[in-house]
Protein backbone atom coordinates (compact mmCIF):
# COMPACT_ATOMS: atom_id res chain seq x y z
CA UNK A 1 -246.01 87.33 136.74
CA UNK A 2 -248.42 90.19 137.35
CA UNK A 3 -251.48 90.68 135.23
CA UNK A 4 -251.88 94.15 133.75
CA UNK A 5 -255.49 94.71 132.70
CA UNK A 6 -254.46 97.61 130.47
CA UNK A 7 -251.82 95.70 128.51
CA UNK A 8 -252.33 95.49 124.76
CA UNK A 9 -250.17 92.38 124.43
CA UNK A 10 -251.92 89.15 123.58
CA UNK A 11 -251.66 86.19 125.96
CA UNK A 12 -249.63 84.29 123.33
CA UNK A 13 -247.04 87.07 123.07
CA UNK A 14 -246.70 87.17 126.86
CA UNK A 15 -245.96 83.45 126.96
CA UNK A 16 -243.57 83.37 124.00
CA UNK A 17 -241.70 86.57 124.97
CA UNK A 18 -241.71 87.73 121.37
CA UNK A 19 -242.35 91.22 120.10
CA UNK A 20 -244.04 92.25 116.91
CA UNK A 21 -241.16 91.07 114.71
CA UNK A 22 -241.23 87.60 116.36
CA UNK A 23 -237.41 87.44 116.46
CA UNK A 24 -236.31 90.24 118.78
CA UNK A 25 -235.60 88.14 121.85
CA UNK A 26 -233.54 85.59 119.94
CA UNK A 27 -231.52 88.30 118.24
CA UNK A 28 -230.98 90.09 121.55
CA UNK A 29 -229.68 86.92 123.19
CA UNK A 30 -227.51 86.07 120.18
CA UNK A 31 -226.00 89.56 120.32
CA UNK A 32 -225.35 89.36 124.06
CA UNK A 33 -223.85 85.88 123.92
CA UNK A 34 -221.52 86.81 121.05
CA UNK A 35 -220.54 90.02 122.87
CA UNK A 36 -219.55 88.09 125.97
CA UNK A 37 -217.77 85.45 123.88
CA UNK A 38 -215.88 88.06 121.88
CA UNK A 39 -214.21 89.62 124.95
CA UNK A 40 -211.84 86.71 125.70
CA UNK A 41 -211.66 85.73 122.04
CA UNK A 42 -210.59 89.26 121.02
CA UNK A 43 -207.92 89.25 123.73
CA UNK A 44 -206.69 85.86 122.45
CA UNK A 45 -206.78 87.17 118.85
CA UNK A 46 -204.70 90.23 119.76
CA UNK A 47 -202.26 88.04 121.69
CA UNK A 48 -201.91 85.67 118.71
CA UNK A 49 -201.35 88.56 116.27
CA UNK A 50 -198.76 90.17 118.54
CA UNK A 51 -196.89 86.86 118.75
CA UNK A 52 -196.81 86.69 114.94
CA UNK A 53 -195.14 90.07 114.49
CA UNK A 54 -191.66 89.66 113.09
CA UNK A 55 -191.97 85.95 112.34
CA UNK A 56 -191.15 84.49 108.97
CA UNK A 57 -193.74 82.77 106.81
CA UNK A 58 -192.56 79.41 108.12
CA UNK A 59 -192.91 80.67 111.69
CA UNK A 60 -196.44 81.90 111.02
CA UNK A 61 -197.38 78.56 109.46
CA UNK A 62 -195.91 76.75 112.47
CA UNK A 63 -197.93 78.96 114.81
CA UNK A 64 -201.14 78.32 112.86
CA UNK A 65 -200.43 74.58 112.87
CA UNK A 66 -200.90 74.56 116.65
CA UNK A 67 -204.47 73.38 117.36
CA UNK A 68 -205.17 75.98 120.08
CA UNK A 69 -204.27 78.84 117.77
CA UNK A 70 -206.50 77.55 115.00
CA UNK A 71 -209.40 76.85 117.37
CA UNK A 72 -209.24 80.32 118.96
CA UNK A 73 -209.09 81.98 115.55
CA UNK A 74 -212.01 79.92 114.22
CA UNK A 75 -214.12 80.69 117.30
CA UNK A 76 -213.24 84.39 116.99
CA UNK A 77 -214.26 84.40 113.32
CA UNK A 78 -217.51 82.55 113.99
CA UNK A 79 -218.53 84.79 116.91
CA UNK A 80 -217.56 87.92 114.97
CA UNK A 81 -219.54 86.93 111.90
CA UNK A 82 -222.67 86.10 113.91
CA UNK A 83 -222.31 89.34 115.89
CA UNK A 84 -221.82 91.36 112.70
CA UNK A 85 -224.81 89.78 110.94
CA UNK A 86 -227.19 90.23 113.88
CA UNK A 87 -226.03 93.80 114.48
CA UNK A 88 -226.42 94.78 110.84
CA UNK A 89 -229.82 93.08 110.71
CA UNK A 90 -230.91 95.16 113.70
CA UNK A 91 -229.74 98.34 111.99
CA UNK A 92 -231.57 97.39 108.79
CA UNK A 93 -234.75 96.60 110.76
CA UNK A 94 -234.63 99.97 112.49
CA UNK A 95 -233.60 102.30 109.68
CA UNK A 96 -234.67 100.83 106.34
CA UNK A 97 -238.39 101.31 105.88
CA UNK A 98 -239.03 100.39 102.24
CA UNK A 99 -240.04 96.69 102.27
CA UNK A 100 -238.34 95.72 99.01
CA UNK A 101 -235.11 97.55 99.88
CA UNK A 102 -235.12 96.01 103.36
CA UNK A 103 -235.63 92.53 101.91
CA UNK A 104 -232.69 92.91 99.50
CA UNK A 105 -230.55 94.49 102.19
CA UNK A 106 -231.25 91.53 104.50
CA UNK A 107 -230.35 89.09 101.73
CA UNK A 108 -227.16 91.05 101.03
CA UNK A 109 -226.29 91.08 104.73
CA UNK A 110 -226.75 87.31 104.96
CA UNK A 111 -224.75 86.60 101.79
CA UNK A 112 -221.94 88.95 102.82
CA UNK A 113 -221.75 87.35 106.27
CA UNK A 114 -221.67 83.84 104.81
CA UNK A 115 -219.12 84.77 102.15
CA UNK A 116 -216.82 86.60 104.54
CA UNK A 117 -217.11 83.85 107.15
CA UNK A 118 -216.42 81.02 104.71
CA UNK A 119 -213.43 82.89 103.26
CA UNK A 120 -211.93 83.61 106.68
CA UNK A 121 -212.50 80.07 107.94
CA UNK A 122 -211.00 78.65 104.73
CA UNK A 123 -207.91 80.84 105.20
CA UNK A 124 -207.37 79.70 108.78
CA UNK A 125 -207.92 76.05 107.88
CA UNK A 126 -205.59 76.29 104.90
CA UNK A 127 -202.83 77.77 107.05
CA UNK A 128 -203.37 75.38 109.94
CA UNK A 129 -203.64 72.19 107.88
CA UNK A 130 -200.82 72.84 105.42
């Protein structure tokens, strides 16, 4: 690692690889990992949905009862929710400047992500376990 005498970064920030917000690197990695994970999971999701077209309710339930189908759908939901939350958090960090509004927007983003994720996971589990 080269030493730049004109750098304004503190030695601690150089070691920890954190910016001013102290979370940028973690969010960046979370976003990249979920992006890579979502490529095959989205393909699997589309394949599962296309297989369900034209099936009866009993056929859909039978398809969801298969463990691979349920696991792929749960992984897709989890990766999508994390990706959505981190992406929206990044947008809020960049474009909302009022501290109180940003705080409430972040809380709303977290609650929406949790609520949507729990609801979607519950739906998949209910279909796959019934």
